[in-house]
Amino acid sequence: MSVAHSHVGPWTLTDVLALPEDPAQRVELVGGQLMMSPAPGLPHQRASHRLHNLLEQAATTAAADVEVFEAINIIVPDGLLIPDLVLVDAAAAEQATAAAPAHDVLLVVEIASPSTRVIDRKLKPSLYAAAGIRHYWRIELDPAPRLLAGDLHAGTEHLAGATARIEAPFPVSFDPAVLARR
């Protein structure tokens, strides 16, 4: 069940973290304003689950001391964001409670869906970069799966049908098509 929120003045991080959990929507904070999006659809969930598994396998192979999380709160200078997938330093994850500070985040992944496409392409990359999160990936599922993998300096596009090989924050290889296949 979704709940409308009445509030006077700009929202703060404390205000947002005090809201009740609502699995039907994500509530993010940018510049004192709430951004709300519906729960992800099935293709989005399929891609998220598969990429989560691929990242965990690659982290284990690389002996990287990290944890992969889905849809957790990340504190950025201008508010609170909820990426689809987040790679966090394992020691820092042990200490985190309701939200992880951006400085503990190694990678964020956004899976573009119709309701978030513009925000994922335009707004969030600049907010993550301003927060110092070095690695940002965006998955586009339509018209065919593709991965746009970038860091603070450059990015590369990987199309379905070819293996994407990414070296940082640890080596991982996969064909973006596997994220959408049934």
N, C-alpha and C. Protein backbone atom coordinates (compact mmCIF):
# COMPACT_ATOMS: atom_id res chain seq x y z
N MET A 1 0.83 -1.17 0.00
CA MET A 1 0.00 0.00 0.00
C MET A 1 0.88 1.23 0.00
N SER A 2 0.58 2.17 -0.84
CA SER A 2 1.34 3.41 -0.94
C SER A 2 0.70 4.46 -0.05
N VAL A 3 1.53 5.26 0.60
CA VAL A 3 1.03 6.26 1.52
C VAL A 3 1.44 7.64 1.02
N ALA A 4 0.50 8.56 0.96
CA ALA A 4 0.83 9.95 0.61
C ALA A 4 1.43 10.60 1.85
N HIS A 5 2.41 11.45 1.63
CA HIS A 5 3.10 12.07 2.75
C HIS A 5 2.82 13.57 2.75
N SER A 6 2.30 14.09 3.87
CA SER A 6 2.15 15.53 3.98
C SER A 6 3.31 16.04 4.81
N HIS A 7 3.89 17.13 4.34
CA HIS A 7 5.10 17.62 4.96
C HIS A 7 5.23 19.11 4.64
N VAL A 8 5.67 19.86 5.60
CA VAL A 8 5.87 21.30 5.39
C VAL A 8 7.37 21.56 5.24
N GLY A 9 7.73 22.29 4.20
CA GLY A 9 9.13 22.66 3.99
C GLY A 9 9.91 21.56 3.32
N PRO A 10 11.20 21.80 3.11
CA PRO A 10 12.03 20.79 2.47
C PRO A 10 12.18 19.54 3.34
N TRP A 11 12.28 18.41 2.69
CA TRP A 11 12.51 17.15 3.38
C TRP A 11 13.98 17.05 3.75
N THR A 12 14.27 16.39 4.86
CA THR A 12 15.65 16.13 5.27
C THR A 12 15.90 14.63 5.21
N LEU A 13 17.16 14.29 5.32
CA LEU A 13 17.54 12.88 5.36
C LEU A 13 16.85 12.18 6.53
N THR A 14 16.83 12.83 7.68
CA THR A 14 16.18 12.27 8.87
C THR A 14 14.69 12.03 8.61
N ASP A 15 14.02 13.00 7.96
CA ASP A 15 12.60 12.85 7.64
C ASP A 15 12.35 11.62 6.77
N VAL A 16 13.17 11.46 5.73
CA VAL A 16 12.96 10.36 4.79
C VAL A 16 13.25 9.02 5.45
N LEU A 17 14.32 8.94 6.21
CA LEU A 17 14.64 7.67 6.87
C LEU A 17 13.61 7.29 7.93
N ALA A 18 12.83 8.26 8.40
CA ALA A 18 11.79 7.98 9.39
C ALA A 18 10.48 7.50 8.75
N LEU A 19 10.36 7.60 7.43
CA LEU A 19 9.14 7.15 6.75
C LEU A 19 9.00 5.63 6.89
N PRO A 20 7.76 5.14 6.91
CA PRO A 20 7.58 3.69 6.96
C PRO A 20 8.03 3.05 5.65
N GLU A 21 8.53 1.83 5.73
CA GLU A 21 8.92 1.11 4.51
C GLU A 21 7.69 0.87 3.66
N ASP A 22 7.86 1.00 2.35
CA ASP A 22 6.75 0.80 1.42
C ASP A 22 7.28 0.02 0.22
N PRO A 23 7.03 -1.30 0.17
CA PRO A 23 7.56 -2.10 -0.94
C PRO A 23 6.95 -1.75 -2.30
N ALA A 24 5.87 -0.98 -2.32
CA ALA A 24 5.23 -0.62 -3.58
C ALA A 24 5.92 0.53 -4.29
N GLN A 25 6.81 1.25 -3.60
CA GLN A 25 7.50 2.36 -4.25
C GLN A 25 8.82 2.68 -3.54
N ARG A 26 9.69 3.33 -4.30
CA ARG A 26 10.96 3.79 -3.74
C ARG A 26 10.85 5.29 -3.52
N VAL A 27 11.33 5.73 -2.37
CA VAL A 27 11.31 7.16 -2.04
C VAL A 27 12.75 7.62 -1.90
N GLU A 28 13.15 8.55 -2.78
CA GLU A 28 14.49 9.09 -2.76
C GLU A 28 14.40 10.59 -2.47
N LEU A 29 15.51 11.18 -2.08
CA LEU A 29 15.55 12.59 -1.69
C LEU A 29 16.63 13.30 -2.51
N VAL A 30 16.23 14.36 -3.20
CA VAL A 30 17.18 15.18 -3.96
C VAL A 30 16.83 16.64 -3.72
N GLY A 31 17.77 17.38 -3.14
CA GLY A 31 17.57 18.81 -2.93
C GLY A 31 16.35 19.15 -2.08
N GLY A 32 16.05 18.34 -1.09
CA GLY A 32 14.92 18.61 -0.21
C GLY A 32 13.58 18.17 -0.77
N GLN A 33 13.57 17.58 -1.96
CA GLN A 33 12.34 17.12 -2.60
C GLN A 33 12.33 15.60 -2.71
N LEU A 34 11.16 15.02 -2.55
CA LEU A 34 11.03 13.58 -2.70
C LEU A 34 10.89 13.20 -4.17
N MET A 35 11.53 12.12 -4.54
CA MET A 35 11.34 11.49 -5.86
C MET A 35 10.79 10.10 -5.57
N MET A 36 9.64 9.80 -6.13
CA MET A 36 9.03 8.51 -5.87
C MET A 36 8.89 7.76 -7.19
N SER A 37 9.17 6.46 -7.14
CA SER A 37 8.99 5.63 -8.33
C SER A 37 8.33 4.33 -7.90
N PRO A 38 7.58 3.73 -8.83
CA PRO A 38 6.90 2.47 -8.50
C PRO A 38 7.89 1.33 -8.35
N ALA A 39 7.45 0.28 -7.74
CA ALA A 39 8.28 -0.93 -7.63
C ALA A 39 8.61 -1.41 -9.03
N PRO A 40 9.81 -1.96 -9.22
CA PRO A 40 10.22 -2.41 -10.55
C PRO A 40 9.38 -3.57 -11.07
N GLY A 41 9.24 -3.63 -12.40
CA GLY A 41 8.50 -4.70 -13.05
C GLY A 41 9.32 -5.97 -13.16
N LEU A 42 8.73 -7.00 -13.72
CA LEU A 42 9.38 -8.32 -13.79
C LEU A 42 10.65 -8.33 -14.65
N PRO A 43 10.68 -7.73 -15.84
CA PRO A 43 11.94 -7.73 -16.60
C PRO A 43 13.07 -7.06 -15.83
N HIS A 44 12.75 -5.99 -15.15
CA HIS A 44 13.72 -5.26 -14.33
C HIS A 44 14.23 -6.15 -13.20
N GLN A 45 13.32 -6.83 -12.52
CA GLN A 45 13.69 -7.72 -11.42
C GLN A 45 14.55 -8.88 -11.90
N ARG A 46 14.20 -9.42 -13.07
CA ARG A 46 14.97 -10.52 -13.65
C ARG A 46 16.41 -10.06 -13.89
N ALA A 47 16.58 -8.92 -14.54
CA ALA A 47 17.91 -8.39 -14.83
C ALA A 47 18.68 -8.11 -13.54
N SER A 48 18.02 -7.53 -12.55
CA SER A 48 18.67 -7.21 -11.28
C SER A 48 19.16 -8.48 -10.58
N HIS A 49 18.31 -9.48 -10.53
CA HIS A 49 18.66 -10.73 -9.87
C HIS A 49 19.86 -11.39 -10.56
N ARG A 50 19.81 -11.45 -11.88
CA ARG A 50 20.91 -12.10 -12.62
C ARG A 50 22.21 -11.33 -12.47
N LEU A 51 22.15 -10.00 -12.56
CA LEU A 51 23.37 -9.21 -12.42
C LEU A 51 23.92 -9.31 -11.00
N HIS A 52 23.04 -9.34 -10.02
CA HIS A 52 23.45 -9.53 -8.62
C HIS A 52 24.28 -10.81 -8.51
N ASN A 53 23.76 -11.90 -9.07
CA ASN A 53 24.47 -13.18 -9.01
C ASN A 53 25.82 -13.11 -9.73
N LEU A 54 25.85 -12.48 -10.91
CA LEU A 54 27.10 -12.35 -11.66
C LEU A 54 28.14 -11.54 -10.87
N LEU A 55 27.70 -10.46 -10.23
CA LEU A 55 28.63 -9.64 -9.45
C LEU A 55 29.15 -10.40 -8.23
N GLU A 56 28.28 -11.14 -7.56
CA GLU A 56 28.73 -11.92 -6.40
C GLU A 56 29.74 -12.98 -6.82
N GLN A 57 29.48 -13.66 -7.93
CA GLN A 57 30.42 -14.68 -8.42
C GLN A 57 31.77 -14.05 -8.78
N ALA A 58 31.74 -12.91 -9.48
CA ALA A 58 32.98 -12.25 -9.88
C ALA A 58 33.74 -11.73 -8.66
N ALA A 59 33.03 -11.21 -7.67
CA ALA A 59 33.68 -10.74 -6.44
C ALA A 59 34.35 -11.90 -5.70
N THR A 60 33.68 -13.03 -5.64
CA THR A 60 34.26 -14.21 -4.99
C THR A 60 35.51 -14.67 -5.74
N THR A 61 35.43 -14.74 -7.05
CA THR A 61 36.58 -15.15 -7.87
C THR A 61 37.76 -14.20 -7.67
N ALA A 62 37.47 -12.91 -7.56
CA ALA A 62 38.53 -11.90 -7.40
C ALA A 62 38.97 -11.74 -5.94
N ALA A 63 38.34 -12.47 -5.03
CA ALA A 63 38.60 -12.35 -3.59
C ALA A 63 38.43 -10.90 -3.13
N ALA A 64 37.44 -10.23 -3.70
CA ALA A 64 37.14 -8.84 -3.32
C ALA A 64 36.32 -8.84 -2.04
N ASP A 65 36.71 -8.04 -1.08
CA ASP A 65 36.02 -7.97 0.21
C ASP A 65 34.87 -6.97 0.11
N VAL A 66 33.80 -7.39 -0.58
CA VAL A 66 32.65 -6.53 -0.86
C VAL A 66 31.36 -7.31 -0.62
N GLU A 67 30.26 -6.56 -0.57
CA GLU A 67 28.92 -7.17 -0.56
C GLU A 67 28.09 -6.50 -1.63
N VAL A 68 27.21 -7.29 -2.25
CA VAL A 68 26.31 -6.78 -3.27
C VAL A 68 24.92 -6.68 -2.64
N PHE A 69 24.30 -5.51 -2.76
CA PHE A 69 22.97 -5.29 -2.20
C PHE A 69 22.02 -4.81 -3.29
N GLU A 70 20.74 -5.09 -3.10
CA GLU A 70 19.71 -4.58 -3.99
C GLU A 70 18.92 -3.49 -3.28
N ALA A 71 18.76 -2.36 -3.97
CA ALA A 71 17.88 -1.28 -3.55
C ALA A 71 18.08 -0.82 -2.11
N ILE A 72 19.31 -0.44 -1.77
CA ILE A 72 19.55 0.10 -0.43
C ILE A 72 19.70 1.62 -0.50
N ASN A 73 19.52 2.26 0.64
CA ASN A 73 19.67 3.71 0.75
C ASN A 73 21.14 4.09 0.70
N ILE A 74 21.47 5.04 -0.17
CA ILE A 74 22.83 5.58 -0.26
C ILE A 74 22.76 7.07 0.04
N ILE A 75 23.55 7.51 1.01
CA ILE A 75 23.58 8.93 1.35
C ILE A 75 24.56 9.65 0.43
N VAL A 76 24.05 10.62 -0.31
CA VAL A 76 24.86 11.45 -1.20
C VAL A 76 24.77 12.90 -0.71
N PRO A 77 25.67 13.78 -1.17
CA PRO A 77 25.64 15.16 -0.65
C PRO A 77 24.30 15.87 -0.77
N ASP A 78 23.54 15.55 -1.81
CA ASP A 78 22.28 16.25 -2.02
C ASP A 78 21.07 15.45 -1.56
N GLY A 79 21.27 14.36 -0.80
CA GLY A 79 20.13 13.62 -0.31
C GLY A 79 20.34 12.14 -0.15
N LEU A 80 19.41 11.36 -0.68
CA LEU A 80 19.37 9.92 -0.51
C LEU A 80 18.90 9.29 -1.81
N LEU A 81 19.69 8.35 -2.33
CA LEU A 81 19.32 7.66 -3.56
C LEU A 81 19.22 6.16 -3.29
N ILE A 82 18.46 5.47 -4.12
CA ILE A 82 18.28 4.03 -3.99
C ILE A 82 18.60 3.38 -5.34
N PRO A 83 19.87 3.04 -5.56
CA PRO A 83 20.22 2.35 -6.81
C PRO A 83 19.64 0.94 -6.83
N ASP A 84 19.55 0.38 -8.02
CA ASP A 84 19.04 -0.98 -8.14
C ASP A 84 20.00 -2.00 -7.53
N LEU A 85 21.28 -1.83 -7.78
CA LEU A 85 22.30 -2.69 -7.18
C LEU A 85 23.43 -1.81 -6.67
N VAL A 86 24.04 -2.24 -5.57
CA VAL A 86 25.12 -1.48 -4.96
C VAL A 86 26.20 -2.44 -4.49
N LEU A 87 27.43 -2.09 -4.79
CA LEU A 87 28.58 -2.84 -4.32
C LEU A 87 29.23 -2.01 -3.22
N VAL A 88 29.28 -2.58 -2.00
CA VAL A 88 29.75 -1.85 -0.83
C VAL A 88 30.94 -2.59 -0.21
N ASP A 89 31.89 -1.84 0.29
CA ASP A 89 33.00 -2.40 1.05
C ASP A 89 32.40 -3.24 2.19
N ALA A 90 32.87 -4.48 2.33
CA ALA A 90 32.28 -5.41 3.30
C ALA A 90 32.41 -4.93 4.74
N ALA A 91 33.56 -4.40 5.11
CA ALA A 91 33.74 -3.91 6.49
C ALA A 91 32.79 -2.76 6.78
N ALA A 92 32.60 -1.87 5.82
CA ALA A 92 31.68 -0.74 6.00
C ALA A 92 30.23 -1.24 6.07
N ALA A 93 29.90 -2.25 5.28
CA ALA A 93 28.54 -2.79 5.30
C ALA A 93 28.19 -3.37 6.66
N GLU A 94 29.18 -3.90 7.36
CA GLU A 94 28.95 -4.44 8.71
C GLU A 94 28.47 -3.35 9.66
N GLN A 95 28.95 -2.13 9.45
CA GLN A 95 28.63 -1.01 10.35
C GLN A 95 27.37 -0.25 9.95
N ALA A 96 26.95 -0.36 8.69
CA ALA A 96 25.80 0.41 8.18
C ALA A 96 24.49 -0.10 8.79
N THR A 97 23.53 0.81 8.90
CA THR A 97 22.21 0.44 9.40
C THR A 97 21.16 0.76 8.35
N ALA A 98 20.53 1.92 8.42
CA ALA A 98 19.46 2.27 7.49
C ALA A 98 19.98 2.77 6.15
N ALA A 99 21.22 3.22 6.10
CA ALA A 99 21.77 3.77 4.86
C ALA A 99 23.28 3.63 4.86
N ALA A 100 23.84 3.55 3.65
CA ALA A 100 25.29 3.50 3.50
C ALA A 100 25.79 4.84 2.99
N PRO A 101 26.86 5.37 3.57
CA PRO A 101 27.42 6.62 3.04
C PRO A 101 28.10 6.37 1.70
N ALA A 102 28.04 7.34 0.82
CA ALA A 102 28.58 7.20 -0.54
C ALA A 102 30.05 6.80 -0.54
N HIS A 103 30.83 7.25 0.44
CA HIS A 103 32.27 6.94 0.42
C HIS A 103 32.56 5.46 0.62
N ASP A 104 31.57 4.66 1.03
CA ASP A 104 31.75 3.22 1.19
C ASP A 104 31.27 2.43 -0.04
N VAL A 105 30.73 3.14 -1.02
CA VAL A 105 30.15 2.51 -2.20
C VAL A 105 31.19 2.44 -3.31
N LEU A 106 31.38 1.25 -3.88
CA LEU A 106 32.34 1.05 -4.96
C LEU A 106 31.70 1.11 -6.34
N LEU A 107 30.43 0.71 -6.43
CA LEU A 107 29.71 0.64 -7.70
C LEU A 107 28.22 0.79 -7.45
N VAL A 108 27.56 1.56 -8.31
CA VAL A 108 26.09 1.59 -8.32
C VAL A 108 25.63 1.17 -9.71
N VAL A 109 24.51 0.47 -9.74
CA VAL A 109 23.91 0.02 -11.00
C VAL A 109 22.47 0.48 -11.01
N GLU A 110 22.08 1.13 -12.10
CA GLU A 110 20.69 1.49 -12.31
C GLU A 110 20.19 0.72 -13.52
N ILE A 111 19.01 0.14 -13.39
CA ILE A 111 18.37 -0.56 -14.50
C ILE A 111 17.23 0.34 -14.96
N ALA A 112 17.40 0.91 -16.14
CA ALA A 112 16.42 1.87 -16.63
C ALA A 112 15.10 1.18 -16.93
N SER A 113 14.03 1.78 -16.46
CA SER A 113 12.69 1.30 -16.77
C SER A 113 11.90 2.52 -17.22
N PRO A 114 10.73 2.32 -17.80
CA PRO A 114 9.98 3.46 -18.33
C PRO A 114 9.79 4.60 -17.33
N SER A 115 9.56 4.30 -16.07
CA SER A 115 9.30 5.35 -15.09
C SER A 115 10.56 6.05 -14.59
N THR A 116 11.75 5.46 -14.83
CA THR A 116 12.99 6.05 -14.29
C THR A 116 14.02 6.39 -15.35
N ARG A 117 13.72 6.15 -16.62
CA ARG A 117 14.71 6.28 -17.68
C ARG A 117 15.41 7.64 -17.69
N VAL A 118 14.67 8.73 -17.63
CA VAL A 118 15.27 10.07 -17.69
C VAL A 118 16.13 10.34 -16.46
N ILE A 119 15.64 9.97 -15.30
CA ILE A 119 16.39 10.17 -14.06
C ILE A 119 17.68 9.35 -14.07
N ASP A 120 17.58 8.09 -14.54
CA ASP A 120 18.76 7.22 -14.58
C ASP A 120 19.79 7.68 -15.60
N ARG A 121 19.35 8.32 -16.67
CA ARG A 121 20.27 8.79 -17.72
C ARG A 121 20.85 10.16 -17.41
N LYS A 122 20.07 11.03 -16.83
CA LYS A 122 20.49 12.43 -16.69
C LYS A 122 20.88 12.83 -15.26
N LEU A 123 20.00 12.60 -14.32
CA LEU A 123 20.18 13.11 -12.96
C LEU A 123 21.14 12.26 -12.12
N LYS A 124 20.87 10.99 -12.04
CA LYS A 124 21.63 10.15 -11.11
C LYS A 124 23.12 10.05 -11.42
N PRO A 125 23.54 9.95 -12.67
CA PRO A 125 25.00 9.89 -12.90
C PRO A 125 25.74 11.09 -12.31
N SER A 126 25.17 12.28 -12.43
CA SER A 126 25.85 13.46 -11.89
C SER A 126 25.82 13.47 -10.36
N LEU A 127 24.75 12.98 -9.75
CA LEU A 127 24.68 12.91 -8.29
C LEU A 127 25.66 11.88 -7.74
N TYR A 128 25.78 10.74 -8.41
CA TYR A 128 26.74 9.73 -7.98
C TYR A 128 28.17 10.25 -8.14
N ALA A 129 28.45 10.92 -9.25
CA ALA A 129 29.80 11.47 -9.47
C ALA A 129 30.12 12.53 -8.42
N ALA A 130 29.17 13.40 -8.11
CA ALA A 130 29.38 14.44 -7.08
C ALA A 130 29.64 13.81 -5.72
N ALA A 131 29.07 12.62 -5.48
CA ALA A 131 29.26 11.92 -4.22
C ALA A 131 30.59 11.16 -4.19
N GLY A 132 31.29 11.13 -5.32
CA GLY A 132 32.58 10.43 -5.38
C GLY A 132 32.46 8.94 -5.62
N ILE A 133 31.29 8.48 -6.04
CA ILE A 133 31.13 7.06 -6.36
C ILE A 133 31.74 6.85 -7.75
N ARG A 134 32.80 6.14 -7.77
CA ARG A 134 33.63 6.07 -8.98
C ARG A 134 32.98 5.30 -10.12
N HIS A 135 32.30 4.20 -9.84
CA HIS A 135 31.79 3.34 -10.90
C HIS A 135 30.26 3.39 -10.95
N TYR A 136 29.74 3.68 -12.16
CA TYR A 136 28.30 3.76 -12.40
C TYR A 136 27.98 2.93 -13.64
N TRP A 137 27.08 1.99 -13.48
CA TRP A 137 26.61 1.20 -14.62
C TRP A 137 25.13 1.47 -14.81
N ARG A 138 24.73 1.53 -16.08
CA ARG A 138 23.30 1.62 -16.39
C ARG A 138 22.97 0.49 -17.35
N ILE A 139 21.94 -0.24 -17.02
CA ILE A 139 21.44 -1.32 -17.86
C ILE A 139 20.21 -0.79 -18.59
N GLU A 140 20.22 -0.90 -19.89
CA GLU A 140 19.05 -0.57 -20.72
C GLU A 140 18.51 -1.90 -21.24
N LEU A 141 17.25 -2.19 -21.02
CA LEU A 141 16.67 -3.46 -21.46
C LEU A 141 16.00 -3.36 -22.83
N ASP A 142 15.58 -2.17 -23.22
CA ASP A 142 14.88 -1.97 -24.49
C ASP A 142 15.70 -1.09 -25.41
N PRO A 143 15.76 -1.34 -26.69
CA PRO A 143 15.09 -2.43 -27.40
C PRO A 143 15.78 -3.77 -27.23
N ALA A 144 17.08 -3.76 -26.87
CA ALA A 144 17.82 -4.99 -26.57
C ALA A 144 18.73 -4.67 -25.40
N PRO A 145 19.03 -5.67 -24.57
CA PRO A 145 19.86 -5.39 -23.40
C PRO A 145 21.23 -4.82 -23.77
N ARG A 146 21.63 -3.81 -23.03
CA ARG A 146 22.98 -3.26 -23.17
C ARG A 146 23.42 -2.70 -21.83
N LEU A 147 24.72 -2.70 -21.65
CA LEU A 147 25.34 -2.21 -20.43
C LEU A 147 26.16 -0.99 -20.78
N LEU A 148 25.94 0.09 -20.06
CA LEU A 148 26.78 1.27 -20.17
C LEU A 148 27.56 1.35 -18.87
N ALA A 149 28.85 1.06 -18.94
CA ALA A 149 29.69 1.00 -17.75
C ALA A 149 30.63 2.19 -17.78
N GLY A 150 30.62 2.95 -16.70
CA GLY A 150 31.48 4.13 -16.66
C GLY A 150 32.09 4.33 -15.29
N ASP A 151 33.10 5.19 -15.30
CA ASP A 151 33.66 5.65 -14.04
C ASP A 151 33.63 7.17 -14.08
N LEU A 152 34.30 7.82 -13.18
CA LEU A 152 34.24 9.28 -13.12
C LEU A 152 34.87 9.94 -14.35
N HIS A 153 35.60 9.19 -15.18
CA HIS A 153 36.31 9.81 -16.29
C HIS A 153 35.82 9.39 -17.67
N ALA A 154 35.30 8.19 -17.83
CA ALA A 154 34.91 7.72 -19.16
C ALA A 154 33.93 6.56 -19.02
N GLY A 155 33.37 6.16 -20.14
CA GLY A 155 32.45 5.04 -20.13
C GLY A 155 32.52 4.25 -21.41
N THR A 156 31.99 3.04 -21.38
CA THR A 156 31.92 2.20 -22.56
C THR A 156 30.55 1.57 -22.65
N GLU A 157 30.14 1.27 -23.88
CA GLU A 157 28.85 0.64 -24.11
C GLU A 157 29.08 -0.80 -24.55
N HIS A 158 28.30 -1.72 -23.98
CA HIS A 158 28.41 -3.14 -24.29
C HIS A 158 27.03 -3.62 -24.72
N LEU A 159 26.93 -4.12 -25.96
CA LEU A 159 25.66 -4.54 -26.51
C LEU A 159 25.42 -6.03 -26.33
N ALA A 160 24.15 -6.42 -26.36
CA ALA A 160 23.78 -7.83 -26.28
C ALA A 160 24.43 -8.57 -27.44
N GLY A 161 24.86 -9.80 -27.19
CA GLY A 161 25.47 -10.61 -28.22
C GLY A 161 26.99 -10.59 -28.19
N ALA A 162 27.56 -9.76 -27.35
CA ALA A 162 29.02 -9.70 -27.20
C ALA A 162 29.34 -9.68 -25.71
N THR A 163 30.46 -10.27 -25.35
CA THR A 163 30.84 -10.32 -23.95
C THR A 163 31.42 -8.98 -23.50
N ALA A 164 30.84 -8.43 -22.46
CA ALA A 164 31.38 -7.21 -21.83
C ALA A 164 32.46 -7.65 -20.85
N ARG A 165 33.63 -7.05 -20.95
CA ARG A 165 34.72 -7.34 -20.02
C ARG A 165 35.05 -6.04 -19.30
N ILE A 166 34.83 -6.05 -18.00
CA ILE A 166 35.07 -4.85 -17.20
C ILE A 166 36.08 -5.22 -16.12
N GLU A 167 37.06 -4.37 -15.92
CA GLU A 167 38.16 -4.68 -15.01
C GLU A 167 38.01 -4.09 -13.60
N ALA A 168 37.22 -3.04 -13.45
CA ALA A 168 37.14 -2.38 -12.15
C ALA A 168 35.68 -2.20 -11.74
N PRO A 169 35.37 -2.36 -10.47
CA PRO A 169 36.26 -2.47 -9.33
C PRO A 169 36.93 -3.82 -9.18
N PHE A 170 36.50 -4.85 -9.95
CA PHE A 170 37.17 -6.14 -10.06
C PHE A 170 36.73 -6.72 -11.40
N PRO A 171 37.46 -7.68 -11.93
CA PRO A 171 37.10 -8.22 -13.25
C PRO A 171 35.75 -8.93 -13.25
N VAL A 172 34.96 -8.64 -14.27
CA VAL A 172 33.69 -9.32 -14.48
C VAL A 172 33.43 -9.34 -15.98
N SER A 173 32.91 -10.47 -16.47
CA SER A 173 32.61 -10.63 -17.90
C SER A 173 31.24 -11.28 -18.04
N PHE A 174 30.43 -10.73 -18.95
CA PHE A 174 29.13 -11.33 -19.25
C PHE A 174 28.56 -10.68 -20.50
N ASP A 175 27.65 -11.39 -21.15
CA ASP A 175 26.92 -10.85 -22.28
C ASP A 175 25.66 -10.19 -21.71
N PRO A 176 25.41 -8.90 -21.98
CA PRO A 176 24.20 -8.26 -21.44
C PRO A 176 22.91 -8.99 -21.79
N ALA A 177 22.91 -9.80 -22.85
CA ALA A 177 21.69 -10.54 -23.22
C ALA A 177 21.24 -11.49 -22.12
N VAL A 178 22.18 -12.02 -21.31
CA VAL A 178 21.79 -12.96 -20.26
C VAL A 178 20.92 -12.31 -19.20
N LEU A 179 20.94 -10.99 -19.12
CA LEU A 179 20.14 -10.30 -18.10
C LEU A 179 18.65 -10.33 -18.43
N ALA A 180 18.30 -10.53 -19.69
CA ALA A 180 16.89 -10.48 -20.09
C ALA A 180 16.32 -11.82 -20.51
N ARG A 181 17.16 -12.79 -20.83
CA ARG A 181 16.69 -14.09 -21.30
C ARG A 181 15.87 -14.81 -20.24
N ARG A 182 14.82 -15.47 -20.68
CA ARG A 182 14.01 -16.27 -19.75
C ARG A 182 14.62 -17.61 -19.55
